[in-house]
C-alpha atoms as a PDB file:
ATOM      1  CA  MET A   1     -28.352-129.071 129.221  1.00  0.00           C
ATOM      2  CA  ARG A   2     -27.707-125.727 129.068  1.00  0.00           C
ATOM      3  CA  ILE A   3     -30.355-123.521 130.601  1.00  0.00           C
ATOM      4  CA  ALA A   4     -30.495-119.988 129.058  1.00  0.00           C
ATOM      5  CA  SER A   5     -29.757-116.829 131.596  1.00  0.00           C
ATOM      6  CA  PRO A   6     -32.806-114.308 132.938  1.00  0.00           C
ATOM      7  CA  ILE A   7     -31.087-111.611 130.849  1.00  0.00           C
ATOM      8  CA  SER A   8     -31.078-113.976 127.280  1.00  0.00           C
ATOM      9  CA  PHE A   9     -34.706-114.874 128.124  1.00  0.00           C
ATOM     10  CA  LEU A  10     -35.395-111.020 128.625  1.00  0.00           C
ATOM     11  CA  ALA A  11     -33.650-109.847 125.616  1.00  0.00           C
ATOM     12  CA  ALA A  12     -35.494-112.476 123.489  1.00  0.00           C
ATOM     13  CA  VAL A  13     -38.837-111.703 124.927  1.00  0.00           C
ATOM     14  CA  THR A  14     -37.892-108.168 124.125  1.00  0.00           C
ATOM     15  CA  LEU A  15     -36.827-109.001 120.303  1.00  0.00           C
ATOM     16  CA  VAL A  16     -40.630-110.333 120.147  1.00  0.00           C
ATOM     17  CA  SER A  17     -42.183-107.726 121.402  1.00  0.00           C
ATOM     18  CA  SER A  18     -40.806-105.550 119.043  1.00  0.00           C
ATOM     19  CA  THR A  19     -41.464-107.583 116.109  1.00  0.00           C
ATOM     20  CA  SER A  20     -44.772-107.759 117.061  1.00  0.00           C
ATOM     21  CA  ALA A  21     -45.388-104.223 117.806  1.00  0.00           C
ATOM     22  CA  MET A  22     -43.644-103.068 114.749  1.00  0.00           C
ATOM     23  CA  ALA A  23     -45.906-106.015 112.864  1.00  0.00           C
ATOM     24  CA  GLN A  24     -49.254-104.926 114.001  1.00  0.00           C
ATOM     25  CA  THR A  25     -48.228-100.827 112.921  1.00  0.00           C
ATOM     26  CA  SER A  26     -48.804 -99.746 109.464  1.00  0.00           C
ATOM     27  CA  PRO A  27     -47.683 -96.535 107.667  1.00  0.00           C
ATOM     28  CA  TRP A  28     -51.055 -96.325 105.846  1.00  0.00           C
ATOM     29  CA  THR A  29     -53.580 -94.711 107.117  1.00  0.00           C
ATOM     30  CA  VAL A  30     -57.259 -93.016 105.143  1.00  0.00           C
ATOM     31  CA  ARG A  31     -59.043 -90.244 105.675  1.00  0.00           C
ATOM     32  CA  ALA A  32     -61.794 -88.963 104.505  1.00  0.00           C
ATOM     33  CA  GLY A  33     -64.616 -86.352 104.951  1.00  0.00           C
ATOM     34  CA  PRO A  34     -66.526 -83.404 103.023  1.00  0.00           C
ATOM     35  CA  VAL A  35     -64.580 -81.306 101.115  1.00  0.00           C
ATOM     36  CA  GLY A  36     -64.861 -77.527  99.887  1.00  0.00           C
ATOM     37  CA  ALA A  37     -63.323 -75.753  96.764  1.00  0.00           C
ATOM     38  CA  PHE A  38     -63.264 -72.424  97.210  1.00  0.00           C
ATOM     39  CA  PHE A  39     -62.209 -70.258  94.140  1.00  0.00           C
ATOM     40  CA  ASN A  40     -60.472 -67.030  93.597  1.00  0.00           C
ATOM     41  CA  SER A  41     -60.632 -66.334  89.744  1.00  0.00           C
ATOM     42  CA  HIS A  42     -58.872 -64.208  87.566  1.00  0.00           C
ATOM     43  CA  THR A  43     -59.864 -63.704  83.911  1.00  0.00           C
ATOM     44  CA  HIS A  44     -58.499 -62.681  80.391  1.00  0.00           C
ATOM     45  CA  ALA A  45     -61.044 -62.803  77.969  1.00  0.00           C
ATOM     46  CA  THR A  46     -61.518 -62.109  74.075  1.00  0.00           C
ATOM     47  CA  LEU A  47     -64.810 -61.868  71.977  1.00  0.00           C
ATOM     48  CA  ALA A  48     -64.668 -62.358  68.225  1.00  0.00           C
ATOM     49  CA  GLY A  49     -60.749 -61.827  68.542  1.00  0.00           C
ATOM     50  CA  GLN A  50     -60.798 -58.548  70.408  1.00  0.00           C
ATOM     51  CA  GLN A  51     -60.507 -58.547  74.283  1.00  0.00           C
ATOM     52  CA  ALA A  52     -62.683 -57.836  76.711  1.00  0.00           C
ATOM     53  CA  PRO A  53     -61.739 -55.709  78.651  1.00  0.00           C
ATOM     54  CA  GLY A  54     -63.073 -55.832  82.407  1.00  0.00           C
ATOM     55  CA  ALA A  55     -64.577 -59.225  81.337  1.00  0.00           C
ATOM     56  CA  ASP A  56     -64.677 -62.032  84.192  1.00  0.00           C
ATOM     57  CA  ILE A  57     -65.891 -65.028  84.583  1.00  0.00           C
ATOM     58  CA  GLY A  58     -67.270 -66.311  87.978  1.00  0.00           C
ATOM     59  CA  VAL A  59     -66.527 -69.829  89.759  1.00  0.00           C
ATOM     60  CA  GLN A  60     -68.984 -71.144  91.272  1.00  0.00           C
ATOM     61  CA  ASN A  61     -67.714 -72.457  94.991  1.00  0.00           C
ATOM     62  CA  ASN A  62     -68.189 -76.459  95.481  1.00  0.00           C
ATOM     63  CA  GLY A  63     -68.948 -79.225  97.817  1.00  0.00           C
ATOM     64  CA  SER A  64     -68.140 -83.097  97.609  1.00  0.00           C
ATOM     65  CA  PHE A  65     -67.044 -85.853  99.926  1.00  0.00           C
ATOM     66  CA  GLY A  66     -62.890 -87.042  99.572  1.00  0.00           C
ATOM     67  CA  ILE A  67     -60.496 -89.470 100.230  1.00  0.00           C
ATOM     68  CA  GLU A  68     -57.141 -89.154 100.917  1.00  0.00           C
ATOM     69  CA  ILE A  69     -54.663 -92.264 101.347  1.00  0.00           C
ATOM     70  CA  GLY A  70     -51.677 -91.604 103.156  1.00  0.00           C
ATOM     71  CA  TYR A  71     -48.290 -93.434 103.786  1.00  0.00           C
ATOM     72  CA  ALA A  72     -45.764 -92.372 106.592  1.00  0.00           C
ATOM     73  CA  ILE A  73     -42.069 -92.693 105.188  1.00  0.00           C
ATOM     74  CA  THR A  74     -40.573 -91.870 108.231  1.00  0.00           C
ATOM     75  CA  PRO A  75     -42.113 -90.938 111.220  1.00  0.00           C
ATOM     76  CA  ASP A  76     -42.016 -86.938 110.050  1.00  0.00           C
ATOM     77  CA  TRP A  77     -42.667 -87.516 106.334  1.00  0.00           C
ATOM     78  CA  THR A  78     -45.657 -88.533 104.816  1.00  0.00           C
ATOM     79  CA  ALA A  79     -46.605 -88.852 101.554  1.00  0.00           C
ATOM     80  CA  ARG A  80     -50.704 -88.542 100.692  1.00  0.00           C
ATOM     81  CA  PHE A  81     -52.753 -88.868  97.161  1.00  0.00           C
ATOM     82  CA  ALA A  82     -56.434 -87.119  97.848  1.00  0.00           C
ATOM     83  CA  PHE A  83     -59.032 -87.231  95.293  1.00  0.00           C
ATOM     84  CA  GLY A  84     -63.064 -87.363  95.768  1.00  0.00           C
ATOM     85  CA  VAL A  85     -66.660 -87.260  93.829  1.00  0.00           C
ATOM     86  CA  PRO A  86     -66.297 -85.148  91.048  1.00  0.00           C
ATOM     87  CA  PRO A  87     -68.123 -81.989  91.731  1.00  0.00           C
ATOM     88  CA  THR A  88     -69.748 -80.018  88.880  1.00  0.00           C
ATOM     89  CA  THR A  89     -69.312 -75.994  88.981  1.00  0.00           C
ATOM     90  CA  ARG A  90     -71.179 -73.136  87.195  1.00  0.00           C
ATOM     91  CA  LEU A  91     -69.420 -70.408  85.363  1.00  0.00           C
ATOM     92  CA  SER A  92     -71.520 -66.921  85.157  1.00  0.00           C
ATOM     93  CA  ALA A  93     -70.787 -63.887  83.710  1.00  0.00           C
ATOM     94  CA  GLU A  94     -69.417 -60.788  85.669  1.00  0.00           C
ATOM     95  CA  GLY A  95     -67.412 -57.582  85.259  1.00  0.00           C
ATOM     96  CA  SER A  96     -68.261 -56.256  82.053  1.00  0.00           C
ATOM     97  CA  LEU A  97     -70.306 -58.961  81.004  1.00  0.00           C
ATOM     98  CA  ARG A  98     -72.947 -57.817  83.116  1.00  0.00           C
ATOM     99  CA  ASN A  99     -73.426 -55.210  80.609  1.00  0.00           C
ATOM    100  CA  VAL A 100     -74.477 -57.739  77.942  1.00  0.00           C
ATOM    101  CA  VAL A 101     -77.317 -59.548  80.282  1.00  0.00           C
ATOM    102  CA  PRO A 102     -79.626 -59.536  78.364  1.00  0.00           C
ATOM    103  CA  PRO A 103     -79.299 -60.956  75.516  1.00  0.00           C
ATOM    104  CA  LEU A 104     -76.899 -63.464  77.391  1.00  0.00           C
ATOM    105  CA  THR A 105     -78.700 -65.203  80.306  1.00  0.00           C
ATOM    106  CA  GLY A 106     -75.422 -64.876  82.580  1.00  0.00           C
ATOM    107  CA  ASN A 107     -75.303 -69.106  82.821  1.00  0.00           C
ATOM    108  CA  LEU A 108     -72.127 -69.604  80.700  1.00  0.00           C
ATOM    109  CA  GLY A 109     -71.784 -73.009  81.150  1.00  0.00           C
ATOM    110  CA  LYS A 110     -70.939 -76.077  83.611  1.00  0.00           C
ATOM    111  CA  VAL A 111     -67.814 -78.124  84.197  1.00  0.00           C
ATOM    112  CA  THR A 112     -67.603 -81.530  85.513  1.00  0.00           C
ATOM    113  CA  TYR A 113     -63.952 -81.949  86.926  1.00  0.00           C
ATOM    114  CA  ALA A 114     -62.187 -84.110  88.957  1.00  0.00           C
ATOM    115  CA  PRO A 115     -59.059 -82.842  91.046  1.00  0.00           C
ATOM    116  CA  ALA A 116     -56.224 -85.447  91.841  1.00  0.00           C
ATOM    117  CA  LEU A 117     -53.436 -84.328  94.542  1.00  0.00           C
ATOM    118  CA  LEU A 118     -50.143 -85.581  95.431  1.00  0.00           C
ATOM    119  CA  THR A 119     -48.296 -83.818  98.298  1.00  0.00           C
ATOM    120  CA  LEU A 120     -45.417 -84.677 100.644  1.00  0.00           C
ATOM    121  CA  THR A 121     -45.999 -83.487 104.265  1.00  0.00           C
ATOM    122  CA  TYR A 122     -43.530 -82.999 107.561  1.00  0.00           C
ATOM    123  CA  GLY A 123     -44.808 -83.222 110.827  1.00  0.00           C
ATOM    124  CA  LEU A 124     -44.338 -80.249 113.199  1.00  0.00           C
ATOM    125  CA  GLY A 125     -44.339 -82.583 116.702  1.00  0.00           C
ATOM    126  CA  ASN A 126     -46.727 -82.326 119.065  1.00  0.00           C
ATOM    127  CA  TRP A 127     -48.722 -79.070 120.074  1.00  0.00           C
ATOM    128  CA  GLY A 128     -50.740 -80.640 123.018  1.00  0.00           C
ATOM    129  CA  PRO A 129     -53.671 -82.484 121.440  1.00  0.00           C
ATOM    130  CA  PHE A 130     -52.819 -81.700 118.295  1.00  0.00           C
ATOM    131  CA  ARG A 131     -50.086 -83.208 115.283  1.00  0.00           C
ATOM    132  CA  PRO A 132     -49.822 -80.308 112.650  1.00  0.00           C
ATOM    133  CA  TYR A 133     -47.814 -80.456 109.487  1.00  0.00           C
ATOM    134  CA  VAL A 134     -46.930 -78.255 106.626  1.00  0.00           C
ATOM    135  CA  GLY A 135     -46.716 -79.768 102.783  1.00  0.00           C
ATOM    136  CA  ALA A 136     -46.379 -78.936  99.181  1.00  0.00           C
ATOM    137  CA  GLY A 137     -46.847 -81.048  96.077  1.00  0.00           C
ATOM    138  CA  VAL A 138     -49.136 -81.025  92.644  1.00  0.00           C
ATOM    139  CA  ASN A 139     -52.470 -81.088  91.223  1.00  0.00           C
ATOM    140  CA  TYR A 140     -54.103 -82.360  88.119  1.00  0.00           C
ATOM    141  CA  THR A 141     -57.427 -81.458  87.619  1.00  0.00           C
ATOM    142  CA  TRP A 142     -59.041 -83.591  84.984  1.00  0.00           C
ATOM    143  CA  VAL A 143     -62.254 -81.781  83.034  1.00  0.00           C
ATOM    144  CA  ILE A 144     -64.787 -84.969  82.753  1.00  0.00           C
ATOM    145  CA  LYS A 145     -67.516 -82.949  80.967  1.00  0.00           C
ATOM    146  CA  THR A 146     -68.696 -79.729  80.279  1.00  0.00           C
ATOM    147  CA  SER A 147     -72.606 -78.300  79.419  1.00  0.00           C
ATOM    148  CA  ASP A 148     -73.080 -75.194  77.534  1.00  0.00           C
ATOM    149  CA  GLY A 149     -74.700 -72.609  78.426  1.00  0.00           C
ATOM    150  CA  ASP A 150     -74.817 -68.739  76.914  1.00  0.00           C
ATOM    151  CA  VAL A 151     -71.208 -70.080  75.639  1.00  0.00           C
ATOM    152  CA  SER A 152     -72.456 -73.024  72.823  1.00  0.00           C
ATOM    153  CA  GLY A 153     -69.257 -76.075  72.366  1.00  0.00           C
ATOM    154  CA  LEU A 154     -67.570 -75.221  75.765  1.00  0.00           C
ATOM    155  CA  LYS A 155     -64.358 -76.732  76.019  1.00  0.00           C
ATOM    156  CA  VAL A 156     -62.756 -76.477  79.340  1.00  0.00           C
ATOM    157  CA  HIS A 157     -59.045 -77.873  79.004  1.00  0.00           C
ATOM    158  CA  SER A 158     -57.519 -80.118  81.969  1.00  0.00           C
ATOM    159  CA  ALA A 159     -54.402 -78.422  83.969  1.00  0.00           C
ATOM    160  CA  TRP A 160     -51.442 -79.207  86.440  1.00  0.00           C
ATOM    161  CA  GLY A 161     -50.996 -76.916  89.081  1.00  0.00           C
ATOM    162  CA  ALA A 162     -48.734 -76.522  92.145  1.00  0.00           C
ATOM    163  CA  VAL A 163     -49.767 -77.401  96.142  1.00  0.00           C
ATOM    164  CA  LEU A 164     -48.987 -76.123  99.374  1.00  0.00           C
ATOM    165  CA  GLU A 165     -50.529 -78.100 102.527  1.00  0.00           C
ATOM    166  CA  ALA A 166     -51.617 -77.052 106.003  1.00  0.00           C
ATOM    167  CA  GLY A 167     -52.942 -79.328 108.667  1.00  0.00           C
ATOM    168  CA  PHE A 168     -53.660 -80.991 111.869  1.00  0.00           C
ATOM    169  CA  ASP A 169     -54.309 -84.258 113.552  1.00  0.00           C
ATOM    170  CA  VAL A 170     -56.216 -85.306 116.786  1.00  0.00           C
ATOM    171  CA  PRO A 171     -55.933 -88.538 117.774  1.00  0.00           C
ATOM    172  CA  ILE A 172     -58.457 -90.584 119.574  1.00  0.00           C
ATOM    173  CA  ASN A 173     -57.182 -93.752 119.693  1.00  0.00           C
ATOM    174  CA  LYS A 174     -54.030 -95.673 118.339  1.00  0.00           C
ATOM    175  CA  ARG A 175     -55.975 -95.756 115.295  1.00  0.00           C
ATOM    176  CA  TRP A 176     -58.667 -93.255 114.767  1.00  0.00           C
ATOM    177  CA  SER A 177     -58.269 -89.671 114.403  1.00  0.00           C
ATOM    178  CA  VAL A 178     -60.353 -86.139 113.506  1.00  0.00           C
ATOM    179  CA  PHE A 179     -58.725 -83.942 111.476  1.00  0.00           C
ATOM    180  CA  ALA A 180     -58.326 -80.754 109.069  1.00  0.00           C
ATOM    181  CA  ASP A 181     -56.517 -79.924 106.415  1.00  0.00           C
ATOM    182  CA  VAL A 182     -56.152 -77.064 103.824  1.00  0.00           C
ATOM    183  CA  ARG A 183     -54.323 -76.744 100.540  1.00  0.00           C
ATOM    184  CA  LYS A 184     -53.887 -73.662  98.300  1.00  0.00           C
ATOM    185  CA  VAL A 185     -54.023 -74.658  94.052  1.00  0.00           C
ATOM    186  CA  PHE A 186     -52.335 -72.697  91.681  1.00  0.00           C
ATOM    187  CA  LEU A 187     -54.090 -73.260  88.894  1.00  0.00           C
ATOM    188  CA  LYS A 188     -54.516 -71.603  85.414  1.00  0.00           C
ATOM    189  CA  THR A 189     -56.507 -73.041  82.340  1.00  0.00           C
ATOM    190  CA  SER A 190     -58.217 -72.131  79.634  1.00  0.00           C
ATOM    191  CA  ALA A 191     -61.959 -72.346  78.023  1.00  0.00           C
ATOM    192  CA  SER A 192     -63.752 -71.680  74.584  1.00  0.00           C
ATOM    193  CA  GLY A 193     -66.511 -71.962  71.996  1.00  0.00           C
ATOM    194  CA  SER A 194     -68.904 -69.694  70.518  1.00  0.00           C
ATOM    195  CA  VAL A 195     -71.796 -67.046  72.171  1.00  0.00           C
ATOM    196  CA  ALA A 196     -75.327 -67.851  69.918  1.00  0.00           C
ATOM    197  CA  ALA A 197     -76.591 -64.942  71.811  1.00  0.00           C
ATOM    198  CA  LEU A 198     -73.827 -62.817  70.112  1.00  0.00           C
ATOM    199  CA  GLY A 199     -74.016 -63.753  66.584  1.00  0.00           C
ATOM    200  CA  GLY A 200     -72.315 -66.912  67.414  1.00  0.00           C
ATOM    201  CA  ALA A 201     -69.451 -64.688  67.993  1.00  0.00           C
ATOM    202  CA  PRO A 202     -66.097 -67.125  69.006  1.00  0.00           C
ATOM    203  CA  THR A 203     -64.754 -66.668  72.327  1.00  0.00           C
ATOM    204  CA  HIS A 204     -61.402 -67.765  74.558  1.00  0.00           C
ATOM    205  CA  ALA A 205     -60.546 -66.948  77.960  1.00  0.00           C
ATOM    206  CA  ASP A 206     -57.675 -67.689  80.492  1.00  0.00           C
ATOM    207  CA  ILE A 207     -58.746 -68.596  83.529  1.00  0.00           C
ATOM    208  CA  ARG A 208     -57.098 -68.512  86.932  1.00  0.00           C
ATOM    209  CA  LEU A 209     -58.662 -70.251  89.266  1.00  0.00           C
ATOM    210  CA  ASP A 210     -56.146 -70.138  92.324  1.00  0.00           C
ATOM    211  CA  PRO A 211     -59.077 -72.522  94.607  1.00  0.00           C
ATOM    212  CA  ILE A 212     -58.614 -73.273  98.276  1.00  0.00           C
ATOM    213  CA  ILE A 213     -59.160 -76.769  99.173  1.00  0.00           C
ATOM    214  CA  ALA A 214     -60.734 -77.356 102.613  1.00  0.00           C
ATOM    215  CA  HIS A 215     -61.050 -81.420 103.769  1.00  0.00           C
ATOM    216  CA  VAL A 216     -61.835 -82.345 107.384  1.00  0.00           C
ATOM    217  CA  GLY A 217     -63.390 -85.667 108.561  1.00  0.00           C
ATOM    218  CA  VAL A 218     -62.073 -89.037 110.059  1.00  0.00           C
ATOM    219  CA  SER A 219     -58.612 -90.766 109.300  1.00  0.00           C
ATOM    220  CA  TYR A 220     -57.861 -94.371 109.910  1.00  0.00           C
ATOM    221  CA  ARG A 221     -54.680 -96.152 110.497  1.00  0.00           C
ATOM    222  CA  PHE A 222     -54.251 -99.473 109.599  1.00  0.00           C
END
């Protein structure tokens, strides 16, 4: 009868322990918490086929609830998919459009939209209790519905955009963390309709939105 040596026994225990630890460590995380979209909009607009110098469209900042699903490809690289409860933003007359209020009310219409962001981030190591990261990716903003205001038959197009991202995690224990994340989205869309108060004149606008999306909350690793 052969008896295993202490070294063989120790090696077997180490292998089993390592396998068990790997099985308990999941690459998946879920993060959730309040999110804010802060727009930096610029507009090029036409009215009745003529350029409207100085016309601008204000885009109301929004708050919502965001969720992110993360997958750690390696200890440093993480793929992230973020989405949230679709918010509704109000479009307002700004710039030279304020000169026609009245007859306009200043409320051009409302848009309900659903942004989805896919990014790849790189961890920068541990800075004390903080685990910072940076990354980049793509955004798709889906326009779910529009509501008319001064602009009748308001139509706003869904759009793609590029994303830059930075943030950090602060671990509480092996599974729970708190986080803060900021994304800059480079996004351009177009809107069209007609203005009943101006004799039904058709209008079109190219709008650069370029929002900053700030997300804070808690993170759970499975």
